[in-house]
Amino acid sequence: MSGYYHQEDLPRFSEMGKNAPDLWKKFAEWYGAVFAEGALTAREKSLIALAVAHAVQCPYCIDAYTQDCLEKGSNMEQMTEAVHVASAIRGGASLIHGLQMRNAAEKVSM
């Protein structure tokens, strides 16, 4: 059975602008501005993007930013550490939401 994710779709991303070219243009301009050099280097932004890609579990983004990180001079140690940072934040976010469960359980128990 074929999977939902198709690696060959990544280069087709811009096709999302076919029926909404004005919106796509705005998105592309904003996206480009976000990743331009600024207070953070392009390499640092790429590492952040790689970490976020793992947190939101986007296989397209993981592929794209793995390649981008390597092209911008990041090494596997840095990339792996970025993924661990994202994983720690995601795990902590899951745990802190456990307090909502505890609060709800306490209301029911009263």
N, C-alpha and C. Protein backbone atom coordinates (compact mmCIF):
# COMPACT_ATOMS: atom_id res chain seq x y z
N MET A 1 0.84 -1.18 0.00
CA MET A 1 0.00 0.00 0.00
C MET A 1 0.88 1.24 0.00
N SER A 2 0.55 2.19 -0.82
CA SER A 2 1.29 3.43 -0.91
C SER A 2 1.02 4.29 0.32
N GLY A 3 2.04 4.98 0.79
CA GLY A 3 1.89 5.83 1.95
C GLY A 3 1.31 7.19 1.59
N TYR A 4 0.96 7.93 2.60
CA TYR A 4 0.38 9.26 2.43
C TYR A 4 1.45 10.25 1.96
N TYR A 5 2.64 10.12 2.47
CA TYR A 5 3.75 11.02 2.16
C TYR A 5 4.45 10.56 0.89
N HIS A 6 4.60 11.48 -0.05
CA HIS A 6 5.28 11.17 -1.31
C HIS A 6 6.44 12.15 -1.48
N GLN A 7 7.64 11.64 -1.39
CA GLN A 7 8.83 12.46 -1.46
C GLN A 7 8.86 13.35 -2.70
N GLU A 8 8.29 12.86 -3.80
CA GLU A 8 8.31 13.64 -5.04
C GLU A 8 7.38 14.86 -4.97
N ASP A 9 6.56 14.97 -3.93
CA ASP A 9 5.68 16.13 -3.79
C ASP A 9 6.42 17.37 -3.32
N LEU A 10 7.51 17.22 -2.58
CA LEU A 10 8.22 18.37 -2.03
C LEU A 10 8.59 19.40 -3.09
N PRO A 11 9.16 19.00 -4.22
CA PRO A 11 9.48 20.01 -5.24
C PRO A 11 8.24 20.65 -5.89
N ARG A 12 7.08 20.11 -5.63
CA ARG A 12 5.84 20.62 -6.21
C ARG A 12 5.13 21.61 -5.28
N PHE A 13 5.76 21.98 -4.20
CA PHE A 13 5.14 22.82 -3.18
C PHE A 13 4.51 24.08 -3.77
N SER A 14 5.19 24.71 -4.72
CA SER A 14 4.69 25.96 -5.29
C SER A 14 3.39 25.79 -6.06
N GLU A 15 3.02 24.56 -6.39
CA GLU A 15 1.74 24.33 -7.06
C GLU A 15 0.57 24.76 -6.19
N MET A 16 0.81 24.93 -4.90
CA MET A 16 -0.26 25.39 -4.02
C MET A 16 -0.69 26.81 -4.36
N GLY A 17 0.07 27.50 -5.19
CA GLY A 17 -0.30 28.84 -5.61
C GLY A 17 -1.10 28.89 -6.89
N LYS A 18 -1.34 27.77 -7.53
CA LYS A 18 -2.02 27.75 -8.82
C LYS A 18 -3.40 28.41 -8.78
N ASN A 19 -4.16 28.15 -7.77
CA ASN A 19 -5.51 28.68 -7.72
C ASN A 19 -5.66 29.86 -6.77
N ALA A 20 -4.55 30.29 -6.21
CA ALA A 20 -4.54 31.46 -5.33
C ALA A 20 -3.18 32.15 -5.45
N PRO A 21 -2.87 32.65 -6.65
CA PRO A 21 -1.53 33.19 -6.87
C PRO A 21 -1.17 34.38 -5.98
N ASP A 22 -2.14 35.24 -5.67
CA ASP A 22 -1.84 36.39 -4.81
C ASP A 22 -1.47 35.94 -3.40
N LEU A 23 -2.21 34.97 -2.89
CA LEU A 23 -1.90 34.46 -1.55
C LEU A 23 -0.55 33.75 -1.55
N TRP A 24 -0.28 32.96 -2.59
CA TRP A 24 1.00 32.27 -2.66
C TRP A 24 2.15 33.26 -2.71
N LYS A 25 1.99 34.33 -3.50
CA LYS A 25 3.03 35.36 -3.61
C LYS A 25 3.32 35.98 -2.24
N LYS A 26 2.28 36.28 -1.51
CA LYS A 26 2.45 36.86 -0.17
C LYS A 26 3.14 35.87 0.77
N PHE A 27 2.71 34.61 0.71
CA PHE A 27 3.35 33.60 1.54
C PHE A 27 4.83 33.47 1.19
N ALA A 28 5.14 33.38 -0.10
CA ALA A 28 6.52 33.19 -0.54
C ALA A 28 7.40 34.38 -0.14
N GLU A 29 6.86 35.59 -0.24
CA GLU A 29 7.63 36.78 0.16
C GLU A 29 7.89 36.77 1.67
N TRP A 30 6.85 36.45 2.43
CA TRP A 30 6.99 36.41 3.89
C TRP A 30 7.96 35.31 4.30
N TYR A 31 7.81 34.12 3.71
CA TYR A 31 8.67 32.98 4.01
C TYR A 31 10.13 33.34 3.72
N GLY A 32 10.36 33.97 2.58
CA GLY A 32 11.71 34.39 2.23
C GLY A 32 12.28 35.39 3.22
N ALA A 33 11.45 36.33 3.64
CA ALA A 33 11.90 37.34 4.61
C ALA A 33 12.22 36.70 5.96
N VAL A 34 11.42 35.73 6.36
CA VAL A 34 11.66 35.05 7.64
C VAL A 34 13.02 34.38 7.64
N PHE A 35 13.41 33.76 6.53
CA PHE A 35 14.66 33.00 6.48
C PHE A 35 15.85 33.81 6.02
N ALA A 36 15.67 35.11 5.78
CA ALA A 36 16.79 35.98 5.41
C ALA A 36 17.66 36.21 6.65
N GLU A 37 18.93 36.51 6.40
CA GLU A 37 19.84 36.83 7.51
C GLU A 37 19.27 38.00 8.30
N GLY A 38 19.38 37.92 9.59
CA GLY A 38 18.90 38.98 10.48
C GLY A 38 19.64 38.87 11.78
N ALA A 39 18.91 38.95 12.88
CA ALA A 39 19.54 38.76 14.19
C ALA A 39 20.07 37.34 14.32
N LEU A 40 19.43 36.41 13.60
CA LEU A 40 19.89 35.03 13.52
C LEU A 40 20.50 34.79 12.14
N THR A 41 21.51 33.96 12.09
CA THR A 41 22.09 33.61 10.80
C THR A 41 21.16 32.67 10.06
N ALA A 42 21.35 32.54 8.77
CA ALA A 42 20.56 31.62 7.97
C ALA A 42 20.77 30.18 8.47
N ARG A 43 21.97 29.87 8.91
CA ARG A 43 22.27 28.54 9.44
C ARG A 43 21.51 28.28 10.73
N GLU A 44 21.46 29.27 11.62
CA GLU A 44 20.72 29.12 12.87
C GLU A 44 19.22 28.95 12.59
N LYS A 45 18.71 29.73 11.66
CA LYS A 45 17.30 29.62 11.30
C LYS A 45 16.98 28.25 10.71
N SER A 46 17.90 27.71 9.95
CA SER A 46 17.70 26.40 9.36
C SER A 46 17.67 25.32 10.44
N LEU A 47 18.53 25.43 11.44
CA LEU A 47 18.52 24.48 12.56
C LEU A 47 17.21 24.58 13.35
N ILE A 48 16.72 25.80 13.55
CA ILE A 48 15.44 25.98 14.23
C ILE A 48 14.34 25.33 13.41
N ALA A 49 14.36 25.57 12.09
CA ALA A 49 13.34 24.99 11.21
C ALA A 49 13.39 23.46 11.26
N LEU A 50 14.58 22.90 11.30
CA LEU A 50 14.71 21.44 11.38
C LEU A 50 14.10 20.92 12.68
N ALA A 51 14.37 21.61 13.78
CA ALA A 51 13.81 21.20 15.07
C ALA A 51 12.29 21.30 15.05
N VAL A 52 11.77 22.41 14.55
CA VAL A 52 10.32 22.61 14.49
C VAL A 52 9.69 21.56 13.58
N ALA A 53 10.35 21.25 12.47
CA ALA A 53 9.84 20.24 11.55
C ALA A 53 9.62 18.91 12.26
N HIS A 54 10.52 18.58 13.16
CA HIS A 54 10.36 17.34 13.93
C HIS A 54 9.23 17.48 14.95
N ALA A 55 9.12 18.65 15.57
CA ALA A 55 8.07 18.85 16.56
C ALA A 55 6.68 18.76 15.94
N VAL A 56 6.54 19.31 14.72
CA VAL A 56 5.23 19.26 14.05
C VAL A 56 5.10 18.03 13.16
N GLN A 57 6.15 17.25 13.10
CA GLN A 57 6.19 15.97 12.36
C GLN A 57 5.85 16.13 10.88
N CYS A 58 6.52 17.08 10.24
CA CYS A 58 6.32 17.29 8.80
C CYS A 58 7.46 16.63 8.03
N PRO A 59 7.20 15.49 7.39
CA PRO A 59 8.28 14.80 6.68
C PRO A 59 8.87 15.62 5.54
N TYR A 60 8.05 16.45 4.90
CA TYR A 60 8.55 17.30 3.82
C TYR A 60 9.56 18.31 4.39
N CYS A 61 9.20 18.92 5.51
CA CYS A 61 10.08 19.90 6.14
C CYS A 61 11.35 19.24 6.68
N ILE A 62 11.21 18.04 7.22
CA ILE A 62 12.39 17.33 7.72
C ILE A 62 13.37 17.10 6.58
N ASP A 63 12.87 16.62 5.44
CA ASP A 63 13.75 16.42 4.28
C ASP A 63 14.38 17.73 3.82
N ALA A 64 13.56 18.75 3.66
CA ALA A 64 14.04 20.03 3.14
C ALA A 64 15.07 20.67 4.07
N TYR A 65 14.79 20.67 5.37
CA TYR A 65 15.71 21.35 6.29
C TYR A 65 16.90 20.51 6.70
N THR A 66 16.82 19.21 6.54
CA THR A 66 18.03 18.39 6.70
C THR A 66 19.03 18.79 5.62
N GLN A 67 18.55 18.85 4.40
CA GLN A 67 19.42 19.24 3.28
C GLN A 67 19.90 20.68 3.46
N ASP A 68 19.00 21.58 3.84
CA ASP A 68 19.36 22.99 4.00
C ASP A 68 20.40 23.17 5.10
N CYS A 69 20.22 22.45 6.22
CA CYS A 69 21.21 22.54 7.30
C CYS A 69 22.59 22.10 6.83
N LEU A 70 22.63 20.99 6.12
CA LEU A 70 23.92 20.50 5.61
C LEU A 70 24.53 21.50 4.64
N GLU A 71 23.72 22.06 3.77
CA GLU A 71 24.23 23.05 2.80
C GLU A 71 24.74 24.30 3.49
N LYS A 72 24.17 24.64 4.65
CA LYS A 72 24.58 25.85 5.36
C LYS A 72 25.69 25.58 6.37
N GLY A 73 26.23 24.36 6.37
CA GLY A 73 27.40 24.07 7.18
C GLY A 73 27.15 23.42 8.52
N SER A 74 25.92 23.05 8.81
CA SER A 74 25.65 22.34 10.06
C SER A 74 26.14 20.90 9.94
N ASN A 75 26.49 20.32 11.07
CA ASN A 75 26.92 18.92 11.05
C ASN A 75 25.87 18.06 11.76
N MET A 76 26.07 16.76 11.70
CA MET A 76 25.10 15.83 12.27
C MET A 76 24.95 16.02 13.78
N GLU A 77 26.02 16.35 14.46
CA GLU A 77 25.94 16.56 15.91
C GLU A 77 25.02 17.74 16.23
N GLN A 78 25.18 18.84 15.50
CA GLN A 78 24.34 20.01 15.72
C GLN A 78 22.88 19.72 15.37
N MET A 79 22.67 19.04 14.25
CA MET A 79 21.32 18.73 13.81
C MET A 79 20.62 17.79 14.78
N THR A 80 21.36 16.79 15.26
CA THR A 80 20.79 15.84 16.22
C THR A 80 20.45 16.55 17.53
N GLU A 81 21.31 17.44 17.96
CA GLU A 81 21.03 18.19 19.19
C GLU A 81 19.79 19.05 19.03
N ALA A 82 19.63 19.67 17.87
CA ALA A 82 18.43 20.48 17.61
C ALA A 82 17.16 19.63 17.69
N VAL A 83 17.23 18.42 17.15
CA VAL A 83 16.07 17.51 17.21
C VAL A 83 15.79 17.11 18.66
N HIS A 84 16.83 16.91 19.45
CA HIS A 84 16.64 16.58 20.87
C HIS A 84 16.00 17.75 21.62
N VAL A 85 16.40 18.97 21.29
CA VAL A 85 15.78 20.14 21.93
C VAL A 85 14.29 20.17 21.62
N ALA A 86 13.93 19.97 20.35
CA ALA A 86 12.52 19.95 19.97
C ALA A 86 11.77 18.84 20.68
N SER A 87 12.39 17.69 20.79
CA SER A 87 11.76 16.55 21.46
C SER A 87 11.54 16.83 22.94
N ALA A 88 12.49 17.48 23.59
CA ALA A 88 12.35 17.81 25.01
C ALA A 88 11.22 18.80 25.22
N ILE A 89 11.11 19.80 24.34
CA ILE A 89 10.03 20.77 24.45
C ILE A 89 8.69 20.10 24.22
N ARG A 90 8.63 19.25 23.21
CA ARG A 90 7.36 18.55 22.91
C ARG A 90 6.97 17.63 24.07
N GLY A 91 7.94 16.92 24.62
CA GLY A 91 7.65 16.05 25.76
C GLY A 91 7.19 16.84 26.97
N GLY A 92 7.86 17.93 27.25
CA GLY A 92 7.46 18.78 28.37
C GLY A 92 6.07 19.37 28.17
N ALA A 93 5.77 19.74 26.94
CA ALA A 93 4.44 20.29 26.65
C ALA A 93 3.36 19.24 26.88
N SER A 94 3.65 18.00 26.55
CA SER A 94 2.69 16.92 26.83
C SER A 94 2.51 16.73 28.33
N LEU A 95 3.60 16.76 29.06
CA LEU A 95 3.52 16.56 30.50
C LEU A 95 2.77 17.70 31.20
N ILE A 96 3.03 18.95 30.81
CA ILE A 96 2.38 20.07 31.49
C ILE A 96 0.88 20.05 31.25
N HIS A 97 0.46 19.50 30.10
CA HIS A 97 -0.98 19.37 29.84
C HIS A 97 -1.61 18.32 30.76
N GLY A 98 -0.78 17.49 31.35
CA GLY A 98 -1.27 16.54 32.33
C GLY A 98 -1.91 17.23 33.53
N LEU A 99 -1.50 18.47 33.79
CA LEU A 99 -2.12 19.21 34.89
C LEU A 99 -3.59 19.51 34.59
N GLN A 100 -3.93 19.68 33.32
CA GLN A 100 -5.34 19.85 32.96
C GLN A 100 -6.12 18.59 33.33
N MET A 101 -5.52 17.44 33.07
CA MET A 101 -6.15 16.17 33.44
C MET A 101 -6.34 16.10 34.94
N ARG A 102 -5.32 16.50 35.68
CA ARG A 102 -5.40 16.44 37.13
C ARG A 102 -6.49 17.39 37.64
N ASN A 103 -6.54 18.60 37.06
CA ASN A 103 -7.56 19.57 37.46
C ASN A 103 -8.96 19.03 37.18
N ALA A 104 -9.16 18.45 36.00
CA ALA A 104 -10.46 17.90 35.64
C ALA A 104 -10.83 16.74 36.56
N ALA A 105 -9.86 15.90 36.87
CA ALA A 105 -10.12 14.76 37.76
C ALA A 105 -10.49 15.23 39.16
N GLU A 106 -9.83 16.28 39.63
CA GLU A 106 -10.12 16.82 40.95
C GLU A 106 -11.55 17.35 41.03
N LYS A 107 -12.03 18.01 39.94
CA LYS A 107 -13.40 18.53 39.90
C LYS A 107 -14.41 17.38 39.97
N VAL A 108 -14.13 16.31 39.26
CA VAL A 108 -15.03 15.14 39.25
C VAL A 108 -15.03 14.47 40.61
N SER A 109 -13.88 14.44 41.25
CA SER A 109 -13.75 13.76 42.54
C SER A 109 -14.40 14.50 43.70
N MET A 110 -14.68 15.77 43.52
CA MET A 110 -15.24 16.58 44.61
C MET A 110 -16.63 16.20 44.93
